[in-house]
C-alpha atoms as a PDB file:
ATOM      1  CA  MET A   1       0.000   0.000   0.000  1.00  0.00           C
ATOM      2  CA  SER A   2       2.737   2.475   0.909  1.00  0.00           C
ATOM      3  CA  THR A   3       4.522   1.976  -2.438  1.00  0.00           C
ATOM      4  CA  GLU A   4       1.369   2.443  -4.516  1.00  0.00           C
ATOM      5  CA  GLY A   5       0.164   5.375  -2.430  1.00  0.00           C
ATOM      6  CA  GLY A   6       3.608   6.955  -2.434  1.00  0.00           C
ATOM      7  CA  THR A   7       3.841   6.777  -6.227  1.00  0.00           C
ATOM      8  CA  LYS A   8       0.390   8.323  -6.612  1.00  0.00           C
ATOM      9  CA  ALA A   9       1.307  11.156  -4.246  1.00  0.00           C
ATOM     10  CA  LEU A  10       4.634  11.704  -6.048  1.00  0.00           C
ATOM     11  CA  VAL A  11       3.005  11.974  -9.481  1.00  0.00           C
ATOM     12  CA  ALA A  12       0.415  14.429  -8.142  1.00  0.00           C
ATOM     13  CA  ALA A  13       3.126  16.520  -6.460  1.00  0.00           C
ATOM     14  CA  LEU A  14       5.357  16.502  -9.546  1.00  0.00           C
ATOM     15  CA  SER A  15       2.512  17.623 -11.829  1.00  0.00           C
ATOM     16  CA  ALA A  16       1.540  20.429  -9.448  1.00  0.00           C
ATOM     17  CA  ASN A  17       5.107  21.646  -8.884  1.00  0.00           C
ATOM     18  CA  LEU A  18       6.014  21.830 -12.569  1.00  0.00           C
ATOM     19  CA  GLY A  19       2.982  23.993 -13.294  1.00  0.00           C
ATOM     20  CA  ILE A  20       3.623  26.141 -10.235  1.00  0.00           C
ATOM     21  CA  ALA A  21       7.317  26.613 -11.061  1.00  0.00           C
ATOM     22  CA  VAL A  22       6.547  27.994 -14.524  1.00  0.00           C
ATOM     23  CA  SER A  23       3.951  30.402 -13.159  1.00  0.00           C
ATOM     24  CA  LYS A  24       6.278  31.647 -10.404  1.00  0.00           C
ATOM     25  CA  PHE A  25       9.130  32.408 -12.788  1.00  0.00           C
ATOM     26  CA  VAL A  26       6.714  34.274 -15.073  1.00  0.00           C
ATOM     27  CA  ALA A  27       5.527  36.302 -12.080  1.00  0.00           C
ATOM     28  CA  PHE A  28       9.161  37.026 -11.078  1.00  0.00           C
ATOM     29  CA  ALA A  29       9.952  38.220 -14.624  1.00  0.00           C
ATOM     30  CA  PHE A  30       7.071  40.706 -14.546  1.00  0.00           C
ATOM     31  CA  SER A  31       7.347  41.860 -10.916  1.00  0.00           C
ATOM     32  CA  GLY A  32      10.978  41.409  -9.813  1.00  0.00           C
ATOM     33  CA  SER A  33       9.745  39.861  -6.549  1.00  0.00           C
ATOM     34  CA  SER A  34      12.493  37.941  -4.724  1.00  0.00           C
ATOM     35  CA  SER A  35       9.800  35.892  -2.978  1.00  0.00           C
ATOM     36  CA  MET A  36       8.655  34.737  -6.396  1.00  0.00           C
ATOM     37  CA  LEU A  37      12.198  33.843  -7.420  1.00  0.00           C
ATOM     38  CA  ALA A  38      12.785  31.910  -4.194  1.00  0.00           C
ATOM     39  CA  GLU A  39       9.445  30.142  -4.535  1.00  0.00           C
ATOM     40  CA  GLY A  40      10.205  29.318  -8.182  1.00  0.00           C
ATOM     41  CA  VAL A  41      13.523  27.731  -7.206  1.00  0.00           C
ATOM     42  CA  HIS A  42      11.721  25.961  -4.354  1.00  0.00           C
ATOM     43  CA  SER A  43       9.238  24.429  -6.838  1.00  0.00           C
ATOM     44  CA  ILE A  44      12.070  23.368  -9.171  1.00  0.00           C
ATOM     45  CA  ALA A  45      13.851  21.729  -6.220  1.00  0.00           C
ATOM     46  CA  ASP A  46      10.636  19.969  -5.189  1.00  0.00           C
ATOM     47  CA  SER A  47      10.090  18.731  -8.755  1.00  0.00           C
ATOM     48  CA  GLY A  48      13.632  17.374  -8.844  1.00  0.00           C
ATOM     49  CA  ASN A  49      13.055  15.700  -5.491  1.00  0.00           C
ATOM     50  CA  GLN A  50       9.953  13.927  -6.742  1.00  0.00           C
ATOM     51  CA  VAL A  51      11.870  12.702  -9.804  1.00  0.00           C
ATOM     52  CA  LEU A  52      14.617  11.410  -7.478  1.00  0.00           C
ATOM     53  CA  LEU A  53      12.092   9.497  -5.373  1.00  0.00           C
ATOM     54  CA  LEU A  54      10.431   8.003  -8.460  1.00  0.00           C
ATOM     55  CA  VAL A  55      13.845   6.907  -9.767  1.00  0.00           C
ATOM     56  CA  GLY A  56      14.732   5.453  -6.359  1.00  0.00           C
ATOM     57  CA  GLY A  57      11.456   3.523  -6.261  1.00  0.00           C
ATOM     58  CA  LYS A  58      12.094   2.105  -9.722  1.00  0.00           C
ATOM     59  CA  ARG A  59      15.708   1.117  -9.000  1.00  0.00           C
ATOM     60  CA  SER A  60      14.762  -0.519  -5.687  1.00  0.00           C
ATOM     61  CA  GLN A  61      12.662  -3.092  -7.563  1.00  0.00           C
ATOM     62  CA  ARG A  62      15.710  -4.717  -9.171  1.00  0.00           C
ATOM     63  CA  ALA A  63      16.173  -8.387  -8.376  1.00  0.00           C
ATOM     64  CA  ALA A  64      18.726  -9.479  -5.794  1.00  0.00           C
ATOM     65  CA  THR A  65      22.184 -10.363  -7.076  1.00  0.00           C
ATOM     66  CA  GLU A  66      25.154 -12.253  -5.682  1.00  0.00           C
ATOM     67  CA  GLU A  67      26.752  -8.932  -4.766  1.00  0.00           C
ATOM     68  CA  HIS A  68      23.526  -7.611  -3.216  1.00  0.00           C
ATOM     69  CA  PRO A  69      21.823 -10.756  -1.881  1.00  0.00           C
ATOM     70  CA  PHE A  70      19.098  -8.826  -0.008  1.00  0.00           C
ATOM     71  CA  GLY A  71      18.125  -6.799  -3.056  1.00  0.00           C
ATOM     72  CA  TYR A  72      18.041  -3.037  -3.578  1.00  0.00           C
ATOM     73  CA  GLY A  73      15.131  -2.019  -1.343  1.00  0.00           C
ATOM     74  CA  ARG A  74      17.242   0.392   0.714  1.00  0.00           C
ATOM     75  CA  GLU A  75      18.046   2.381  -2.426  1.00  0.00           C
ATOM     76  CA  ARG A  76      14.787   4.199  -1.735  1.00  0.00           C
ATOM     77  CA  TYR A  77      16.389   5.497   1.473  1.00  0.00           C
ATOM     78  CA  VAL A  78      19.453   6.706  -0.446  1.00  0.00           C
ATOM     79  CA  TYR A  79      17.318   8.769  -2.786  1.00  0.00           C
ATOM     80  CA  GLY A  80      15.266  10.024   0.157  1.00  0.00           C
ATOM     81  CA  PHE A  81      18.467  11.307   1.741  1.00  0.00           C
ATOM     82  CA  LEU A  82      19.456  13.002  -1.525  1.00  0.00           C
ATOM     83  CA  VAL A  83      16.121  14.814  -1.413  1.00  0.00           C
ATOM     84  CA  SER A  84      17.001  16.373   1.934  1.00  0.00           C
ATOM     85  CA  ILE A  85      20.336  17.584   0.519  1.00  0.00           C
ATOM     86  CA  VAL A  86      18.665  19.152  -2.533  1.00  0.00           C
ATOM     87  CA  LEU A  87      15.978  20.789  -0.390  1.00  0.00           C
ATOM     88  CA  PHE A  88      18.610  22.192   1.988  1.00  0.00           C
ATOM     89  CA  SER A  89      21.063  23.483  -0.622  1.00  0.00           C
ATOM     90  CA  ILE A  90      19.007  24.507  -3.647  1.00  0.00           C
ATOM     91  CA  GLY A  91      15.780  25.379  -1.863  1.00  0.00           C
ATOM     92  CA  GLY A  92      16.689  26.628   1.611  1.00  0.00           C
ATOM     93  CA  MET A  93      20.124  28.189   1.232  1.00  0.00           C
ATOM     94  CA  PHE A  94      19.248  29.912  -2.051  1.00  0.00           C
ATOM     95  CA  ALA A  95      16.137  31.461  -0.495  1.00  0.00           C
ATOM     96  CA  ILE A  96      18.126  32.664   2.529  1.00  0.00           C
ATOM     97  CA  TYR A  97      20.724  34.246   0.250  1.00  0.00           C
ATOM     98  CA  GLU A  98      18.083  35.866  -1.957  1.00  0.00           C
ATOM     99  CA  GLY A  99      16.207  37.162   1.099  1.00  0.00           C
ATOM    100  CA  TYR A 100      19.368  38.689   2.541  1.00  0.00           C
ATOM    101  CA  GLU A 101      20.156  40.376  -0.778  1.00  0.00           C
ATOM    102  CA  LYS A 102      16.644  41.818  -1.027  1.00  0.00           C
ATOM    103  CA  ILE A 103      16.794  43.166   2.543  1.00  0.00           C
ATOM    104  CA  ALA A 104      20.266  44.635   1.977  1.00  0.00           C
ATOM    105  CA  HIS A 105      19.414  46.040  -1.476  1.00  0.00           C
ATOM    106  CA  PRO A 106      15.625  46.479  -1.752  1.00  0.00           C
ATOM    107  CA  HIS A 107      14.085  47.531  -5.038  1.00  0.00           C
ATOM    108  CA  GLU A 108      10.540  48.463  -5.990  1.00  0.00           C
ATOM    109  CA  LEU A 109       8.038  45.694  -6.663  1.00  0.00           C
ATOM    110  CA  GLU A 110       6.530  46.033 -10.127  1.00  0.00           C
ATOM    111  CA  ASN A 111       3.192  44.676 -11.366  1.00  0.00           C
ATOM    112  CA  TRP A 112       2.308  43.296  -7.917  1.00  0.00           C
ATOM    113  CA  TYR A 113      -0.841  41.619  -9.223  1.00  0.00           C
ATOM    114  CA  TRP A 114       1.312  39.021 -11.036  1.00  0.00           C
ATOM    115  CA  PRO A 115       2.833  37.482  -7.900  1.00  0.00           C
ATOM    116  CA  VAL A 116      -0.439  37.732  -5.981  1.00  0.00           C
ATOM    117  CA  GLY A 117      -2.360  35.932  -8.732  1.00  0.00           C
ATOM    118  CA  VAL A 118       0.318  33.272  -9.122  1.00  0.00           C
ATOM    119  CA  LEU A 119       0.513  32.675  -5.368  1.00  0.00           C
ATOM    120  CA  VAL A 120      -3.249  32.110  -5.145  1.00  0.00           C
ATOM    121  CA  PHE A 121      -3.003  29.732  -8.133  1.00  0.00           C
ATOM    122  CA  ALA A 122      -0.044  27.933  -6.517  1.00  0.00           C
ATOM    123  CA  ILE A 123      -1.883  27.541  -3.193  1.00  0.00           C
ATOM    124  CA  LEU A 124      -4.730  25.787  -5.032  1.00  0.00           C
ATOM    125  CA  LEU A 125      -2.360  23.388  -6.836  1.00  0.00           C
ATOM    126  CA  GLU A 126      -0.264  22.699  -3.739  1.00  0.00           C
ATOM    127  CA  GLY A 127      -3.471  22.105  -1.807  1.00  0.00           C
ATOM    128  CA  TYR A 128      -4.445  19.454  -4.363  1.00  0.00           C
ATOM    129  CA  SER A 129      -1.026  17.800  -4.014  1.00  0.00           C
ATOM    130  CA  PHE A 130      -1.161  17.957  -0.212  1.00  0.00           C
ATOM    131  CA  LEU A 131      -4.661  16.437  -0.052  1.00  0.00           C
ATOM    132  CA  THR A 132      -3.560  13.560  -2.303  1.00  0.00           C
ATOM    133  CA  ALA A 133      -0.557  12.828  -0.061  1.00  0.00           C
ATOM    134  CA  TYR A 134      -2.705  13.257   3.071  1.00  0.00           C
ATOM    135  CA  ARG A 135      -5.313  10.743   1.877  1.00  0.00           C
ATOM    136  CA  GLU A 136      -2.697   8.157   0.896  1.00  0.00           C
ATOM    137  CA  ALA A 137      -0.750   8.596   4.131  1.00  0.00           C
ATOM    138  CA  SER A 138      -3.948   8.319   6.199  1.00  0.00           C
ATOM    139  CA  LYS A 139      -4.365   4.762   4.876  1.00  0.00           C
ATOM    140  CA  ASP A 140      -0.806   3.950   5.927  1.00  0.00           C
ATOM    141  CA  LYS A 141      -0.371   5.634   9.303  1.00  0.00           C
ATOM    142  CA  GLY A 142      -2.851   3.572  11.330  1.00  0.00           C
ATOM    143  CA  GLN A 143      -3.587   4.880  14.815  1.00  0.00           C
ATOM    144  CA  HIS A 144      -0.376   6.890  15.137  1.00  0.00           C
ATOM    145  CA  GLY A 145      -0.340  10.680  15.175  1.00  0.00           C
ATOM    146  CA  TRP A 146       1.284  12.563  12.300  1.00  0.00           C
ATOM    147  CA  PRO A 147       4.603  13.336  14.066  1.00  0.00           C
ATOM    148  CA  ALA A 148       4.863   9.665  15.077  1.00  0.00           C
ATOM    149  CA  TYR A 149       4.016   8.589  11.521  1.00  0.00           C
ATOM    150  CA  ILE A 150       6.829  10.728  10.093  1.00  0.00           C
ATOM    151  CA  ARG A 151       9.268   9.188  12.594  1.00  0.00           C
ATOM    152  CA  ARG A 152       8.071   5.581  12.214  1.00  0.00           C
ATOM    153  CA  ALA A 153       7.363   5.335   8.468  1.00  0.00           C
ATOM    154  CA  LYS A 154       9.657   2.879   6.704  1.00  0.00           C
ATOM    155  CA  ALA A 155       8.768   4.048   3.173  1.00  0.00           C
ATOM    156  CA  PRO A 156      10.223   7.529   2.571  1.00  0.00           C
ATOM    157  CA  GLU A 157       7.969   8.753  -0.258  1.00  0.00           C
ATOM    158  CA  LEU A 158       4.791   9.724   1.593  1.00  0.00           C
ATOM    159  CA  PRO A 159       6.525  11.456   4.539  1.00  0.00           C
ATOM    160  CA  VAL A 160       8.737  13.389   2.104  1.00  0.00           C
ATOM    161  CA  VAL A 161       5.783  14.570   0.004  1.00  0.00           C
ATOM    162  CA  LEU A 162       3.796  15.469   3.125  1.00  0.00           C
ATOM    163  CA  LEU A 163       6.644  17.536   4.551  1.00  0.00           C
ATOM    164  CA  GLU A 164       7.421  19.153   1.202  1.00  0.00           C
ATOM    165  CA  ASP A 165       3.793  20.071   0.559  1.00  0.00           C
ATOM    166  CA  THR A 166       3.333  21.369   4.095  1.00  0.00           C
ATOM    167  CA  GLY A 167       6.452  23.487   3.685  1.00  0.00           C
ATOM    168  CA  ALA A 168       5.294  24.651   0.269  1.00  0.00           C
ATOM    169  CA  LEU A 169       1.897  25.761   1.554  1.00  0.00           C
ATOM    170  CA  ILE A 170       3.439  27.626   4.493  1.00  0.00           C
ATOM    171  CA  GLY A 171       6.047  29.121   2.151  1.00  0.00           C
ATOM    172  CA  LEU A 172       3.338  30.347  -0.217  1.00  0.00           C
ATOM    173  CA  VAL A 173       1.535  32.027   2.654  1.00  0.00           C
ATOM    174  CA  LEU A 174       4.812  33.661   3.730  1.00  0.00           C
ATOM    175  CA  ALA A 175       5.476  34.817   0.173  1.00  0.00           C
ATOM    176  CA  LEU A 176       1.934  36.189  -0.098  1.00  0.00           C
ATOM    177  CA  GLY A 177       2.433  38.017   3.183  1.00  0.00           C
ATOM    178  CA  GLY A 178       5.767  39.464   2.033  1.00  0.00           C
ATOM    179  CA  VAL A 179       4.343  40.658  -1.280  1.00  0.00           C
ATOM    180  CA  GLY A 180       1.184  41.978   0.385  1.00  0.00           C
ATOM    181  CA  LEU A 181       3.102  43.988   2.995  1.00  0.00           C
ATOM    182  CA  THR A 182       5.383  45.331   0.265  1.00  0.00           C
ATOM    183  CA  VAL A 183       2.370  46.560  -1.709  1.00  0.00           C
ATOM    184  CA  ILE A 184       0.678  48.041   1.371  1.00  0.00           C
ATOM    185  CA  THR A 185       3.737  49.764   2.847  1.00  0.00           C
ATOM    186  CA  GLY A 186       5.684  50.448  -0.335  1.00  0.00           C
ATOM    187  CA  ASP A 187       8.762  48.970   1.396  1.00  0.00           C
ATOM    188  CA  ALA A 188      10.363  46.116  -0.574  1.00  0.00           C
ATOM    189  CA  VAL A 189      12.188  44.921   2.564  1.00  0.00           C
ATOM    190  CA  TRP A 190       9.052  42.946   3.455  1.00  0.00           C
ATOM    191  CA  ASP A 191       9.459  40.902   0.283  1.00  0.00           C
ATOM    192  CA  GLY A 192      12.995  40.050   1.394  1.00  0.00           C
ATOM    193  CA  ILE A 193      11.831  39.137   4.891  1.00  0.00           C
ATOM    194  CA  GLY A 194       9.227  36.781   3.408  1.00  0.00           C
ATOM    195  CA  THR A 195      11.930  35.186   1.251  1.00  0.00           C
ATOM    196  CA  LEU A 196      14.235  34.789   4.260  1.00  0.00           C
ATOM    197  CA  CYS A 197      11.469  33.077   6.249  1.00  0.00           C
ATOM    198  CA  ILE A 198      10.863  30.683   3.345  1.00  0.00           C
ATOM    199  CA  GLY A 199      14.560  29.758   3.355  1.00  0.00           C
ATOM    200  CA  VAL A 200      14.633  29.062   7.095  1.00  0.00           C
ATOM    201  CA  LEU A 201      11.483  26.941   6.774  1.00  0.00           C
ATOM    202  CA  LEU A 202      13.010  24.844   3.983  1.00  0.00           C
ATOM    203  CA  VAL A 203      16.245  24.325   5.909  1.00  0.00           C
ATOM    204  CA  VAL A 204      14.291  23.066   8.955  1.00  0.00           C
ATOM    205  CA  ILE A 205      12.259  20.633   6.827  1.00  0.00           C
ATOM    206  CA  ALA A 206      15.430  19.435   5.070  1.00  0.00           C
ATOM    207  CA  LEU A 207      17.103  18.735   8.426  1.00  0.00           C
ATOM    208  CA  VAL A 208      14.079  16.741   9.644  1.00  0.00           C
ATOM    209  CA  LEU A 209      14.129  14.682   6.445  1.00  0.00           C
ATOM    210  CA  ALA A 210      17.877  14.132   6.727  1.00  0.00           C
ATOM    211  CA  LEU A 211      17.603  12.850  10.308  1.00  0.00           C
ATOM    212  CA  GLU A 212      14.760  10.463   9.491  1.00  0.00           C
ATOM    213  CA  THR A 213      16.307   9.036   6.314  1.00  0.00           C
ATOM    214  CA  LYS A 214      19.710   8.724   8.023  1.00  0.00           C
ATOM    215  CA  SER A 215      18.116   6.454  10.596  1.00  0.00           C
ATOM    216  CA  LEU A 216      16.600   4.320   7.832  1.00  0.00           C
ATOM    217  CA  LEU A 217      19.925   4.144   5.997  1.00  0.00           C
ATOM    218  CA  ILE A 218      21.711   2.937   9.128  1.00  0.00           C
ATOM    219  CA  GLY A 219      19.048   0.267   9.562  1.00  0.00           C
ATOM    220  CA  GLU A 220      15.870   0.225  11.651  1.00  0.00           C
ATOM    221  CA  SER A 221      14.150  -2.688  13.320  1.00  0.00           C
ATOM    222  CA  ALA A 222      10.496  -3.513  12.799  1.00  0.00           C
ATOM    223  CA  ASP A 223       7.920  -1.670  14.888  1.00  0.00           C
ATOM    224  CA  ALA A 224       7.112  -3.124  18.296  1.00  0.00           C
ATOM    225  CA  GLU A 225       3.718  -4.504  17.224  1.00  0.00           C
ATOM    226  CA  VAL A 226       5.314  -6.259  14.233  1.00  0.00           C
ATOM    227  CA  VAL A 227       7.980  -7.773  16.483  1.00  0.00           C
ATOM    228  CA  ALA A 228       5.239  -9.028  18.817  1.00  0.00           C
ATOM    229  CA  ARG A 229       3.410 -10.709  15.918  1.00  0.00           C
ATOM    230  CA  ILE A 230       6.627 -12.405  14.786  1.00  0.00           C
ATOM    231  CA  ARG A 231       7.377 -13.679  18.291  1.00  0.00           C
ATOM    232  CA  GLU A 232       3.864 -15.058  18.617  1.00  0.00           C
ATOM    233  CA  ALA A 233       4.043 -16.738  15.207  1.00  0.00           C
ATOM    234  CA  LEU A 234       7.391 -18.401  15.900  1.00  0.00           C
ATOM    235  CA  VAL A 235       6.233 -20.318  18.981  1.00  0.00           C
ATOM    236  CA  ASP A 236       3.946 -23.333  18.500  1.00  0.00           C
ATOM    237  CA  HIS A 237       4.170 -24.444  22.179  1.00  0.00           C
ATOM    238  CA  ASP A 238       5.010 -27.920  20.956  1.00  0.00           C
ATOM    239  CA  THR A 239       8.423 -28.154  19.283  1.00  0.00           C
ATOM    240  CA  VAL A 240       9.264 -24.440  19.339  1.00  0.00           C
ATOM    241  CA  THR A 241       8.776 -23.601  22.978  1.00  0.00           C
ATOM    242  CA  SER A 242      10.130 -20.037  23.123  1.00  0.00           C
ATOM    243  CA  VAL A 243      12.064 -17.257  21.442  1.00  0.00           C
ATOM    244  CA  ILE A 244      15.383 -16.896  23.240  1.00  0.00           C
ATOM    245  CA  HIS A 245      16.291 -13.704  21.392  1.00  0.00           C
ATOM    246  CA  MET A 246      15.463 -12.114  18.082  1.00  0.00           C
ATOM    247  CA  ARG A 247      16.530  -9.293  15.796  1.00  0.00           C
ATOM    248  CA  THR A 248      14.742  -7.679  12.873  1.00  0.00           C
ATOM    249  CA  LEU A 249      16.050  -5.289  10.238  1.00  0.00           C
ATOM    250  CA  HIS A 250      14.357  -3.437   7.396  1.00  0.00           C
ATOM    251  CA  VAL A 251      16.365  -4.125   4.236  1.00  0.00           C
ATOM    252  CA  GLY A 252      13.753  -2.067   2.399  1.00  0.00           C
ATOM    253  CA  PRO A 253      10.414  -0.409   3.186  1.00  0.00           C
ATOM    254  CA  GLU A 254       8.502  -3.625   2.425  1.00  0.00           C
ATOM    255  CA  GLU A 255      11.269  -6.137   3.130  1.00  0.00           C
ATOM    256  CA  LEU A 256      12.127  -7.405   6.584  1.00  0.00           C
ATOM    257  CA  LEU A 257      14.982  -9.623   7.735  1.00  0.00           C
ATOM    258  CA  VAL A 258      14.279 -11.781  10.800  1.00  0.00           C
ATOM    259  CA  ALA A 259      17.001 -13.596  12.743  1.00  0.00           C
ATOM    260  CA  ALA A 260      16.113 -15.483  15.920  1.00  0.00           C
ATOM    261  CA  LYS A 261      17.384 -18.119  18.303  1.00  0.00           C
ATOM    262  CA  ILE A 262      14.442 -20.335  19.214  1.00  0.00           C
ATOM    263  CA  GLY A 263      14.091 -22.755  22.108  1.00  0.00           C
ATOM    264  CA  VAL A 264      13.327 -26.393  21.243  1.00  0.00           C
ATOM    265  CA  ASN A 265      12.950 -29.583  23.263  1.00  0.00           C
ATOM    266  CA  ALA A 266      16.199 -31.405  24.002  1.00  0.00           C
ATOM    267  CA  GLU A 267      14.644 -34.795  23.206  1.00  0.00           C
ATOM    268  CA  ASP A 268      13.359 -33.836  19.721  1.00  0.00           C
ATOM    269  CA  SER A 269      15.244 -35.238  16.717  1.00  0.00           C
ATOM    270  CA  ALA A 270      16.901 -33.077  14.081  1.00  0.00           C
ATOM    271  CA  ALA A 271      14.184 -34.008  11.582  1.00  0.00           C
ATOM    272  CA  VAL A 272      11.441 -32.876  13.958  1.00  0.00           C
ATOM    273  CA  VAL A 273      13.247 -29.595  14.680  1.00  0.00           C
ATOM    274  CA  ALA A 274      13.855 -28.948  10.958  1.00  0.00           C
ATOM    275  CA  GLU A 275      10.168 -29.483  10.204  1.00  0.00           C
ATOM    276  CA  ALA A 276       9.188 -27.207  13.079  1.00  0.00           C
ATOM    277  CA  ILE A 277      11.468 -24.464  11.716  1.00  0.00           C
ATOM    278  CA  ASP A 278       9.844 -24.758   8.268  1.00  0.00           C
ATOM    279  CA  HIS A 279       6.398 -24.448   9.832  1.00  0.00           C
ATOM    280  CA  ALA A 280       7.550 -21.482  11.943  1.00  0.00           C
ATOM    281  CA  GLU A 281       8.744 -19.657   8.828  1.00  0.00           C
ATOM    282  CA  VAL A 282       5.361 -20.200   7.173  1.00  0.00           C
ATOM    283  CA  ARG A 283       3.563 -18.827  10.239  1.00  0.00           C
ATOM    284  CA  VAL A 284       5.813 -15.752  10.356  1.00  0.00           C
ATOM    285  CA  ARG A 285       5.295 -14.939   6.670  1.00  0.00           C
ATOM    286  CA  LYS A 286       1.555 -15.302   7.115  1.00  0.00           C
ATOM    287  CA  ALA A 287       1.548 -12.993  10.148  1.00  0.00           C
ATOM    288  CA  VAL A 288       4.015 -10.490   8.614  1.00  0.00           C
ATOM    289  CA  PRO A 289       4.092 -10.805   4.792  1.00  0.00           C
ATOM    290  CA  ILE A 290       7.068  -8.431   4.439  1.00  0.00           C
ATOM    291  CA  ALA A 291       9.287 -10.884   6.384  1.00  0.00           C
ATOM    292  CA  ARG A 292      11.244 -12.077   3.337  1.00  0.00           C
ATOM    293  CA  ALA A 293      14.486 -13.432   4.814  1.00  0.00           C
ATOM    294  CA  ILE A 294      14.088 -15.545   7.970  1.00  0.00           C
ATOM    295  CA  TYR A 295      17.022 -17.212   9.727  1.00  0.00           C
ATOM    296  CA  LEU A 296      16.236 -19.396  12.741  1.00  0.00           C
ATOM    297  CA  GLU A 297      18.814 -21.032  15.001  1.00  0.00           C
ATOM    298  CA  PRO A 298      17.458 -23.812  17.255  1.00  0.00           C
ATOM    299  CA  ASP A 299      18.813 -24.188  20.775  1.00  0.00           C
ATOM    300  CA  VAL A 300      17.762 -25.911  23.945  1.00  0.00           C
ATOM    301  CA  TYR A 301      16.148 -23.203  26.052  1.00  0.00           C
ATOM    302  CA  SER A 302      17.772 -22.150  29.271  1.00  0.00           C
ATOM    303  CA  GLU A 303      17.018 -19.076  31.340  1.00  0.00           C
ATOM    304  CA  GLU A 304      20.732 -18.298  31.565  1.00  0.00           C
ATOM    305  CA  LYS A 305      21.097 -18.192  27.743  1.00  0.00           C
ATOM    306  CA  ALA A 306      17.961 -16.088  27.366  1.00  0.00           C
ATOM    307  CA  LEU A 307      19.218 -13.511  29.856  1.00  0.00           C
ATOM    308  CA  ALA A 308      22.665 -13.435  28.231  1.00  0.00           C
ATOM    309  CA  GLY A 309      21.182 -12.491  24.865  1.00  0.00           C
ATOM    310  CA  PRO A 310      23.194 -12.698  21.620  1.00  0.00           C
ATOM    311  CA  ASP A 311      26.896 -13.383  21.680  1.00  0.00           C
ATOM    312  CA  ALA A 312      28.401  -9.913  22.165  1.00  0.00           C
ATOM    313  CA  ASP A 313      31.479 -10.707  20.094  1.00  0.00           C
ATOM    314  CA  ALA A 314      29.388 -12.014  17.202  1.00  0.00           C
ATOM    315  CA  THR A 315      26.785  -9.254  17.279  1.00  0.00           C
ATOM    316  CA  PRO A 316      27.056  -6.179  15.026  1.00  0.00           C
ATOM    317  CA  GLY A 317      26.971  -2.984  17.036  1.00  0.00           C
ATOM    318  CA  GLY A 318      28.704  -4.385  20.087  1.00  0.00           C
ATOM    319  CA  PRO A 319      27.590  -5.922  23.378  1.00  0.00           C
ATOM    320  CA  GLY A 320      24.833  -4.979  25.748  1.00  0.00           C
ATOM    321  CA  ARG A 321      22.112  -4.054  23.213  1.00  0.00           C
ATOM    322  CA  ASN A 322      18.815  -5.928  23.318  1.00  0.00           C
ATOM    323  CA  ALA A 323      17.696  -5.007  19.803  1.00  0.00           C
ATOM    324  CA  HIS A 324      14.523  -6.223  18.175  1.00  0.00           C
END
């Protein structure tokens, strides 16, 4: 669902931003408004970001190879991180520079009705893009609040579009305020202040995106409720008596790696244990369909082993971490 909804939101956002970018640059040409120039660059950056995410989604679907045995699912995170860099550098820093220049060297705003008309038009198009992303994300977020959804989402496309569209709508309001105050007061400094505020807003959004996608790139475990379903599915209370310890890792938004040491009966034969492991894998994939790679190590359960957790020397990340 997240992949299909993310693609739909990306296409809607890309269509809206391309139309908005053209109209903003036309308005800048006729009015000389720095807010319009900053917003035009912002829309170009957003359009490029949506293309990056579409490319990342396409490339992530490549089949696994010997060199990349878990596939290319995490490539979507790489492109998501590139989006934050583009938004920070091209969108945010350019707007801050342009705002500073306009405040330091203000010049009269010409044909003010051009930027005002374009901004109203842009708000309507961005609103359409935002509502599309909002509807698709609402299907995906479950019972979590929006801040929690942004933090917990494993697919980067919908959170990126939501944050970009939210920033775009706020930026358009700031630009409209800057242009409006310039027209009312006759002081072009207000246009520069609006541009500066747009730049700061974009930098903040870019930093949030960078932090979230960095965490995904490093590798995140499954959510707690998913881990609970996997634990429940592994145990059959017959041959598999317990889960001694377990780790999960997202190798892509819809691909989960599961590694667990499971407790079995000491008197069971190897054939019985092997069959129980096969059945456990089937139960896990039924409970959590995105669990693609499952590695189970049987062991005779003991409380001492369970408390010790994974072998510290053989565990990535070092000792003393009870990861999912």
